PDB file of N, CA and C in Angstrom:
ATOM      1  N   MET A   1     -61.147-100.349 -13.318  1.00  0.00           N
ATOM      2  CA  MET A   1     -59.740-100.047 -13.000  1.00  0.00           C
ATOM      3  C   MET A   1     -59.286-101.073 -13.313  1.00  0.00           C
ATOM      4  N   ALA A   2     -57.950-100.991 -13.933  1.00  0.00           N
ATOM      5  CA  ALA A   2     -56.736-102.283 -14.298  1.00  0.00           C
ATOM      6  C   ALA A   2     -56.280-102.925 -13.051  1.00  0.00           C
ATOM      7  N   LYS A   3     -56.056-103.914 -13.226  1.00  0.00           N
ATOM      8  CA  LYS A   3     -55.460-105.103 -12.143  1.00  0.00           C
ATOM      9  C   LYS A   3     -54.084-104.739 -11.864  1.00  0.00           C
ATOM     10  N   GLN A   4     -53.523-104.362 -10.918  1.00  0.00           N
ATOM     11  CA  GLN A   4     -52.401-104.622 -10.309  1.00  0.00           C
ATOM     12  C   GLN A   4     -51.292-106.109 -10.953  1.00  0.00           C
ATOM     13  N   PHE A   5     -50.170-105.818 -11.172  1.00  0.00           N
ATOM     14  CA  PHE A   5     -49.434-106.643 -11.502  1.00  0.00           C
ATOM     15  C   PHE A   5     -49.308-107.652 -10.276  1.00  0.00           C
ATOM     16  N   TRP A   6     -49.511-107.505  -9.160  1.00  0.00           N
ATOM     17  CA  TRP A   6     -49.624-108.641  -7.765  1.00  0.00           C
ATOM     18  C   TRP A   6     -51.052-109.449  -8.170  1.00  0.00           C
ATOM     19  N   GLU A   7     -51.855-108.992  -8.877  1.00  0.00           N
ATOM     20  CA  GLU A   7     -53.076-109.851  -8.872  1.00  0.00           C
ATOM     21  C   GLU A   7     -53.237-111.105  -9.795  1.00  0.00           C
ATOM     22  N   TYR A   8     -52.027-111.053 -10.533  1.00  0.00           N
ATOM     23  CA  TYR A   8     -51.748-112.102 -11.453  1.00  0.00           C
ATOM     24  C   TYR A   8     -50.807-113.107 -11.184  1.00  0.00           C
ATOM     25  N   SER A   9     -50.423-113.038  -9.881  1.00  0.00           N
ATOM     26  CA  SER A   9     -49.257-113.766  -9.399  1.00  0.00           C
ATOM     27  C   SER A   9     -50.156-115.086  -8.615  1.00  0.00           C
ATOM     28  N   SER A  10     -49.185-116.110  -8.841  1.00  0.00           N
ATOM     29  CA  SER A  10     -49.851-117.359  -8.289  1.00  0.00           C
ATOM     30  C   SER A  10     -49.744-117.523  -6.801  1.00  0.00           C
ATOM     31  N   ARG A  11     -49.102-116.928  -6.376  1.00  0.00           N
ATOM     32  CA  ARG A  11     -48.494-116.929  -4.767  1.00  0.00           C
ATOM     33  C   ARG A  11     -49.932-116.039  -4.287  1.00  0.00           C
ATOM     34  N   THR A  12     -50.828-115.242  -4.676  1.00  0.00           N
ATOM     35  CA  THR A  12     -51.712-114.749  -4.060  1.00  0.00           C
ATOM     36  C   THR A  12     -53.311-115.240  -4.739  1.00  0.00           C
ATOM     37  N   ARG A  13     -53.141-116.714  -5.254  1.00  0.00           N
ATOM     38  CA  ARG A  13     -54.352-117.531  -5.698  1.00  0.00           C
ATOM     39  C   ARG A  13     -54.487-118.226  -4.819  1.00  0.00           C
ATOM     40  N   LYS A  14     -55.463-119.042  -4.677  1.00  0.00           N
ATOM     41  CA  LYS A  14     -55.821-120.455  -4.127  1.00  0.00           C
ATOM     42  C   LYS A  14     -55.130-121.224  -4.514  1.00  0.00           C
ATOM     43  N   GLN A  15     -54.695-122.277  -3.670  1.00  0.00           N
ATOM     44  CA  GLN A  15     -53.716-123.457  -4.193  1.00  0.00           C
ATOM     45  C   GLN A  15     -52.338-122.925  -4.701  1.00  0.00           C
ATOM     46  N   HIS A  16     -52.076-121.740  -5.164  1.00  0.00           N
ATOM     47  CA  HIS A  16     -51.132-121.220  -6.228  1.00  0.00           C
ATOM     48  C   HIS A  16     -51.398-121.672  -7.366  1.00  0.00           C
ATOM     49  N   ASP A  17     -52.462-121.631  -7.974  1.00  0.00           N
ATOM     50  CA  ASP A  17     -52.750-121.872  -9.199  1.00  0.00           C
ATOM     51  C   ASP A  17     -52.190-120.697 -10.311  1.00  0.00           C
ATOM     52  N   THR A  18     -51.808-120.890 -11.390  1.00  0.00           N
ATOM     53  CA  THR A  18     -51.760-119.684 -12.356  1.00  0.00           C
ATOM     54  C   THR A  18     -53.043-119.076 -13.008  1.00  0.00           C
ATOM     55  N   HIS A  19     -52.807-117.937 -12.776  1.00  0.00           N
ATOM     56  CA  HIS A  19     -54.081-117.119 -13.553  1.00  0.00           C
ATOM     57  C   HIS A  19     -54.059-117.523 -15.076  1.00  0.00           C
ATOM     58  N   PRO A  20     -55.539-117.578 -15.251  1.00  0.00           N
ATOM     59  CA  PRO A  20     -55.546-117.942 -16.571  1.00  0.00           C
ATOM     60  C   PRO A  20     -54.907-117.011 -17.506  1.00  0.00           C
ATOM     61  N   LYS A  21     -55.034-115.932 -17.533  1.00  0.00           N
ATOM     62  CA  LYS A  21     -54.299-114.946 -18.311  1.00  0.00           C
ATOM     63  C   LYS A  21     -52.942-115.110 -18.483  1.00  0.00           C
ATOM     64  N   VAL A  22     -52.169-115.672 -17.314  1.00  0.00           N
ATOM     65  CA  VAL A  22     -50.814-116.030 -17.365  1.00  0.00           C
ATOM     66  C   VAL A  22     -50.863-117.366 -18.516  1.00  0.00           C
ATOM     67  N   LYS A  23     -51.814-118.011 -17.960  1.00  0.00           N
ATOM     68  CA  LYS A  23     -51.808-119.482 -19.094  1.00  0.00           C
ATOM     69  C   LYS A  23     -51.757-119.451 -20.480  1.00  0.00           C
ATOM     70  N   VAL A  24     -52.689-118.554 -20.825  1.00  0.00           N
ATOM     71  CA  VAL A  24     -52.807-118.175 -22.485  1.00  0.00           C
ATOM     72  C   VAL A  24     -51.478-117.535 -22.949  1.00  0.00           C
ATOM     73  N   LEU A  25     -50.668-116.529 -22.131  1.00  0.00           N
ATOM     74  CA  LEU A  25     -49.650-115.988 -22.142  1.00  0.00           C
ATOM     75  C   LEU A  25     -48.298-116.592 -22.878  1.00  0.00           C
ATOM     76  N   ARG A  26     -48.434-117.494 -21.798  1.00  0.00           N
ATOM     77  CA  ARG A  26     -47.272-118.883 -21.711  1.00  0.00           C
ATOM     78  C   ARG A  26     -47.554-119.740 -22.898  1.00  0.00           C
ATOM     79  N   GLU A  27     -48.771-120.184 -23.013  1.00  0.00           N
ATOM     80  CA  GLU A  27     -48.775-121.121 -24.225  1.00  0.00           C
ATOM     81  C   GLU A  27     -48.411-120.311 -25.535  1.00  0.00           C
ATOM     82  N   SER A  28     -49.061-119.077 -25.592  1.00  0.00           N
ATOM     83  CA  SER A  28     -48.687-118.111 -27.088  1.00  0.00           C
ATOM     84  C   SER A  28     -47.229-118.068 -27.310  1.00  0.00           C
ATOM     85  N   ILE A  29     -46.493-117.909 -26.081  1.00  0.00           N
ATOM     86  CA  ILE A  29     -45.103-117.567 -26.279  1.00  0.00           C
ATOM     87  C   ILE A  29     -44.439-118.908 -26.786  1.00  0.00           C
ATOM     88  N   LEU A  30     -44.901-119.994 -26.045  1.00  0.00           N
ATOM     89  CA  LEU A  30     -44.248-121.335 -26.331  1.00  0.00           C
ATOM     90  C   LEU A  30     -44.339-121.437 -28.139  1.00  0.00           C
ATOM     91  N   ILE A  31     -46.055-121.354 -28.286  1.00  0.00           N
ATOM     92  CA  ILE A  31     -46.246-121.601 -29.710  1.00  0.00           C
ATOM     93  C   ILE A  31     -45.124-120.712 -30.840  1.00  0.00           C
ATOM     94  N   HIS A  32     -45.425-119.467 -30.658  1.00  0.00           N
ATOM     95  CA  HIS A  32     -44.253-118.898 -31.274  1.00  0.00           C
ATOM     96  C   HIS A  32     -42.718-119.159 -31.167  1.00  0.00           C
ATOM     97  N   TRP A  33     -42.417-119.582 -30.186  1.00  0.00           N
ATOM     98  CA  TRP A  33     -40.968-119.756 -29.850  1.00  0.00           C
ATOM     99  C   TRP A  33     -40.956-121.180 -31.023  1.00  0.00           C
ATOM    100  N   ALA A  34     -41.691-122.186 -30.688  1.00  0.00           N
ATOM    101  CA  ALA A  34     -41.637-123.185 -31.507  1.00  0.00           C
ATOM    102  C   ALA A  34     -41.488-123.144 -32.868  1.00  0.00           C
ATOM    103  N   ALA A  35     -42.341-122.161 -33.320  1.00  0.00           N
ATOM    104  CA  ALA A  35     -42.443-121.508 -34.614  1.00  0.00           C
ATOM    105  C   ALA A  35     -41.604-120.953 -35.166  1.00  0.00           C
ATOM    106  N   GLY A  36     -40.411-120.346 -34.450  1.00  0.00           N
ATOM    107  CA  GLY A  36     -39.185-119.838 -34.724  1.00  0.00           C
ATOM    108  C   GLY A  36     -38.940-118.482 -34.755  1.00  0.00           C
ATOM    109  N   TRP A  37     -39.859-117.911 -33.985  1.00  0.00           N
ATOM    110  CA  TRP A  37     -39.978-116.517 -33.691  1.00  0.00           C
ATOM    111  C   TRP A  37     -38.790-116.052 -32.588  1.00  0.00           C
ATOM    112  N   THR A  38     -38.184-115.020 -32.856  1.00  0.00           N
ATOM    113  CA  THR A  38     -37.204-114.535 -31.829  1.00  0.00           C
ATOM    114  C   THR A  38     -38.041-114.010 -30.733  1.00  0.00           C
ATOM    115  N   GLN A  39     -36.874-113.951 -29.368  1.00  0.00           N
ATOM    116  CA  GLN A  39     -37.600-113.330 -28.251  1.00  0.00           C
ATOM    117  C   GLN A  39     -38.068-112.206 -28.112  1.00  0.00           C
ATOM    118  N   GLU A  40     -37.337-111.025 -28.984  1.00  0.00           N
ATOM    119  CA  GLU A  40     -37.884-109.746 -29.547  1.00  0.00           C
ATOM    120  C   GLU A  40     -39.012-109.768 -30.233  1.00  0.00           C
ATOM    121  N   ALA A  41     -39.468-110.709 -31.179  1.00  0.00           N
ATOM    122  CA  ALA A  41     -40.670-110.682 -31.888  1.00  0.00           C
ATOM    123  C   ALA A  41     -41.710-111.096 -31.287  1.00  0.00           C
ATOM    124  N   ILE A  42     -41.593-111.896 -30.363  1.00  0.00           N
ATOM    125  CA  ILE A  42     -42.637-112.480 -29.511  1.00  0.00           C
ATOM    126  C   ILE A  42     -42.728-111.263 -28.694  1.00  0.00           C
ATOM    127  N   ALA A  43     -41.899-110.763 -27.865  1.00  0.00           N
ATOM    128  CA  ALA A  43     -42.132-109.628 -26.867  1.00  0.00           C
ATOM    129  C   ALA A  43     -43.092-108.212 -27.524  1.00  0.00           C
ATOM    130  N   TYR A  44     -42.418-107.883 -28.886  1.00  0.00           N
ATOM    131  CA  TYR A  44     -43.146-106.885 -29.407  1.00  0.00           C
ATOM    132  C   TYR A  44     -44.711-107.300 -29.603  1.00  0.00           C
ATOM    133  N   SER A  45     -44.947-108.634 -30.273  1.00  0.00           N
ATOM    134  CA  SER A  45     -46.375-108.862 -30.785  1.00  0.00           C
ATOM    135  C   SER A  45     -47.362-108.912 -29.179  1.00  0.00           C
ATOM    136  N   HIS A  46     -46.635-108.990 -27.811  1.00  0.00           N
ATOM    137  CA  HIS A  46     -47.575-109.600 -27.043  1.00  0.00           C
ATOM    138  C   HIS A  46     -47.363-107.828 -26.387  1.00  0.00           C
ATOM    139  N   SER A  47     -46.510-106.908 -26.530  1.00  0.00           N
ATOM    140  CA  SER A  47     -46.528-105.668 -25.815  1.00  0.00           C
ATOM    141  C   SER A  47     -45.872-106.104 -24.319  1.00  0.00           C
ATOM    142  N   ILE A  48     -44.959-106.774 -24.188  1.00  0.00           N
ATOM    143  CA  ILE A  48     -44.378-107.552 -22.998  1.00  0.00           C
ATOM    144  C   ILE A  48     -42.360-107.203 -23.253  1.00  0.00           C
ATOM    145  N   HIS A  49     -41.974-107.067 -22.253  1.00  0.00           N
ATOM    146  CA  HIS A  49     -40.534-106.794 -22.236  1.00  0.00           C
ATOM    147  C   HIS A  49     -40.012-108.541 -22.420  1.00  0.00           C
ATOM    148  N   VAL A  50     -38.550-108.291 -22.926  1.00  0.00           N
ATOM    149  CA  VAL A  50     -38.144-109.497 -23.633  1.00  0.00           C
ATOM    150  C   VAL A  50     -37.746-110.209 -22.265  1.00  0.00           C
ATOM    151  N   ASP A  51     -37.597-109.857 -21.411  1.00  0.00           N
ATOM    152  CA  ASP A  51     -36.904-110.518 -19.829  1.00  0.00           C
ATOM    153  C   ASP A  51     -38.227-111.453 -19.486  1.00  0.00           C
ATOM    154  N   THR A  52     -39.597-110.955 -19.800  1.00  0.00           N
ATOM    155  CA  THR A  52     -40.447-111.717 -19.430  1.00  0.00           C
ATOM    156  C   THR A  52     -40.716-112.683 -20.557  1.00  0.00           C
ATOM    157  N   VAL A  53     -40.385-112.656 -21.493  1.00  0.00           N
ATOM    158  CA  VAL A  53     -40.426-113.937 -22.499  1.00  0.00           C
ATOM    159  C   VAL A  53     -39.559-114.787 -21.957  1.00  0.00           C
ATOM    160  N   ASN A  54     -38.337-114.370 -21.873  1.00  0.00           N
ATOM    161  CA  ASN A  54     -37.157-115.307 -21.646  1.00  0.00           C
ATOM    162  C   ASN A  54     -37.594-116.190 -19.877  1.00  0.00           C
ATOM    163  N   SER A  55     -38.308-115.692 -19.393  1.00  0.00           N
ATOM    164  CA  SER A  55     -38.411-115.856 -17.683  1.00  0.00           C
ATOM    165  C   SER A  55     -39.621-117.019 -17.949  1.00  0.00           C
ATOM    166  N   HIS A  56     -40.477-117.055 -18.985  1.00  0.00           N
ATOM    167  CA  HIS A  56     -41.707-117.953 -19.287  1.00  0.00           C
ATOM    168  C   HIS A  56     -40.811-118.939 -20.292  1.00  0.00           C
ATOM    169  N   LEU A  57     -39.977-118.730 -20.991  1.00  0.00           N
ATOM    170  CA  LEU A  57     -39.164-119.997 -21.878  1.00  0.00           C
ATOM    171  C   LEU A  57     -38.402-120.835 -20.679  1.00  0.00           C
ATOM    172  N   ARG A  58     -37.774-119.869 -20.055  1.00  0.00           N
ATOM    173  CA  ARG A  58     -36.743-120.690 -18.664  1.00  0.00           C
ATOM    174  C   ARG A  58     -37.939-121.691 -17.953  1.00  0.00           C
ATOM    175  N   ARG A  59     -38.805-121.153 -17.450  1.00  0.00           N
ATOM    176  CA  ARG A  59     -39.782-122.073 -16.569  1.00  0.00           C
ATOM    177  C   ARG A  59     -40.456-123.012 -17.498  1.00  0.00           C
ATOM    178  N   ALA A  60     -40.628-123.151 -18.675  1.00  0.00           N
ATOM    179  CA  ALA A  60     -41.081-124.104 -19.489  1.00  0.00           C
ATOM    180  C   ALA A  60     -40.130-124.914 -19.677  1.00  0.00           C
ATOM    181  N   ARG A  61     -38.787-124.705 -19.978  1.00  0.00           N
ATOM    182  CA  ARG A  61     -37.568-125.789 -20.001  1.00  0.00           C
ATOM    183  C   ARG A  61     -37.479-126.573 -18.868  1.00  0.00           C
ATOM    184  N   LYS A  62     -37.534-125.558 -17.342  1.00  0.00           N
ATOM    185  CA  LYS A  62     -37.575-126.235 -16.257  1.00  0.00           C
ATOM    186  C   LYS A  62     -38.544-127.324 -16.155  1.00  0.00           C
ATOM    187  N   ALA A  63     -39.591-127.019 -16.648  1.00  0.00           N
ATOM    188  CA  ALA A  63     -40.679-127.763 -16.415  1.00  0.00           C
ATOM    189  C   ALA A  63     -40.933-129.139 -17.661  1.00  0.00           C
ATOM    190  N   GLY A  64     -39.773-129.101 -18.161  1.00  0.00           N
ATOM    191  CA  GLY A  64     -39.529-130.160 -19.375  1.00  0.00           C
ATOM    192  C   GLY A  64     -40.679-129.815 -20.812  1.00  0.00           C
ATOM    193  N   ASP A  65     -41.333-128.624 -21.100  1.00  0.00           N
ATOM    194  CA  ASP A  65     -41.854-128.628 -22.431  1.00  0.00           C
ATOM    195  C   ASP A  65     -40.748-128.372 -23.306  1.00  0.00           C
ATOM    196  N   HIS A  66     -41.127-129.594 -24.237  1.00  0.00           N
ATOM    197  CA  HIS A  66     -40.182-129.656 -25.361  1.00  0.00           C
ATOM    198  C   HIS A  66     -40.268-128.269 -26.300  1.00  0.00           C
ATOM    199  N   ARG A  67     -41.205-127.586 -26.563  1.00  0.00           N
ATOM    200  CA  ARG A  67     -41.309-126.377 -27.072  1.00  0.00           C
ATOM    201  C   ARG A  67     -40.419-125.440 -26.717  1.00  0.00           C
ATOM    202  N   ALA A  68     -39.921-125.349 -25.777  1.00  0.00           N
ATOM    203  CA  ALA A  68     -39.008-124.027 -25.305  1.00  0.00           C
ATOM    204  C   ALA A  68     -37.615-124.415 -25.680  1.00  0.00           C
ATOM    205  N   GLN A  69     -37.305-125.703 -26.332  1.00  0.00           N
ATOM    206  CA  GLN A  69     -36.071-125.944 -26.454  1.00  0.00           C
ATOM    207  C   GLN A  69     -34.834-124.689 -26.778  1.00  0.00           C
ATOM    208  N   ILE A  70     -33.502-124.894 -26.431  1.00  0.00           N
ATOM    209  CA  ILE A  70     -32.795-123.669 -26.510  1.00  0.00           C
ATOM    210  C   ILE A  70     -31.928-123.790 -28.552  1.00  0.00           C
ATOM    211  N   ARG A  71     -32.419-122.757 -28.810  1.00  0.00           N
ATOM    212  CA  ARG A  71     -32.205-122.827 -30.270  1.00  0.00           C
ATOM    213  C   ARG A  71     -30.481-122.436 -30.751  1.00  0.00           C
ATOM    214  N   GLN A  72     -29.806-121.662 -29.739  1.00  0.00           N
ATOM    215  CA  GLN A  72     -28.778-121.133 -30.299  1.00  0.00           C
ATOM    216  C   GLN A  72     -27.371-122.301 -29.718  1.00  0.00           C
ATOM    217  N   PRO A  73     -26.684-122.245 -30.460  1.00  0.00           N
ATOM    218  CA  PRO A  73     -25.666-123.368 -30.416  1.00  0.00           C
ATOM    219  C   PRO A  73     -24.831-123.159 -29.171  1.00  0.00           C
ATOM    220  N   ALA A  74     -24.152-121.894 -29.083  1.00  0.00           N
ATOM    221  CA  ALA A  74     -23.247-121.741 -28.171  1.00  0.00           C
ATOM    222  C   ALA A  74     -23.730-121.511 -26.939  1.00  0.00           C
ATOM    223  N   ALA A  75     -24.989-121.539 -26.776  1.00  0.00           N
ATOM    224  CA  ALA A  75     -25.975-121.399 -25.326  1.00  0.00           C
ATOM    225  C   ALA A  75     -25.939-123.056 -24.816  1.00  0.00           C
ATOM    226  N   LEU A  76     -26.601-123.752 -25.850  1.00  0.00           N
ATOM    227  CA  LEU A  76     -26.567-125.154 -25.744  1.00  0.00           C
ATOM    228  C   LEU A  76     -25.249-125.841 -25.207  1.00  0.00           C
ATOM    229  N   LYS A  77     -24.344-125.291 -25.794  1.00  0.00           N
ATOM    230  CA  LYS A  77     -22.942-125.933 -25.413  1.00  0.00           C
ATOM    231  C   LYS A  77     -22.571-125.831 -24.269  1.00  0.00           C
ATOM    232  N   ALA A  78     -22.877-124.242 -23.663  1.00  0.00           N
ATOM    233  CA  ALA A  78     -22.519-123.814 -22.234  1.00  0.00           C
ATOM    234  C   ALA A  78     -23.376-124.515 -21.339  1.00  0.00           C
ATOM    235  N   LEU A  79     -24.435-124.879 -22.042  1.00  0.00           N
ATOM    236  CA  LEU A  79     -25.135-125.442 -20.592  1.00  0.00           C
ATOM    237  C   LEU A  79     -24.996-127.087 -20.479  1.00  0.00           C
ATOM    238  N   GLU A  80     -24.596-127.580 -21.624  1.00  0.00           N
ATOM    239  CA  GLU A  80     -24.289-128.948 -21.430  1.00  0.00           C
ATOM    240  C   GLU A  80     -22.897-128.951 -20.703  1.00  0.00           C
ATOM    241  N   MET A  81     -21.945-128.289 -20.934  1.00  0.00           N
ATOM    242  CA  MET A  81     -20.462-128.387 -20.237  1.00  0.00           C
ATOM    243  C   MET A  81     -20.983-127.797 -18.700  1.00  0.00           C
ATOM    244  N   ALA A  82     -21.729-126.964 -18.223  1.00  0.00           N
ATOM    245  CA  ALA A  82     -21.820-126.508 -17.061  1.00  0.00           C
ATOM    246  C   ALA A  82     -22.815-127.868 -16.069  1.00  0.00           C
ATOM    247  N   SER A  83     -23.353-128.745 -16.862  1.00  0.00           N
ATOM    248  CA  SER A  83     -24.077-129.858 -16.031  1.00  0.00           C
ATOM    249  C   SER A  83     -23.200-130.844 -16.034  1.00  0.00           C
ATOM    250  N   GLY A  84     -21.990-130.691 -16.597  1.00  0.00           N
ATOM    251  CA  GLY A  84     -21.159-131.812 -16.299  1.00  0.00           C
ATOM    252  C   GLY A  84     -21.139-132.911 -17.152  1.00  0.00           C
TER     253      GLY A  84
END
């Protein structure tokens, strides 16, 4: 039987650690993003939604992972202006 989505959540795991499958997915997304793939291409290759890719990238940026850098100049400028 297939696992339910909540079984992969860190909130249901001891010490709130990330599920190994999620770690692999996140690493793969970051590798592809750093290689220049688009969010749409990454989502298609992993059979996931673009919002999921965006969420992983956003979390990686928040954690300070350099591979998740913003590549769109307009978005980067907007973030710089918002941060003061």
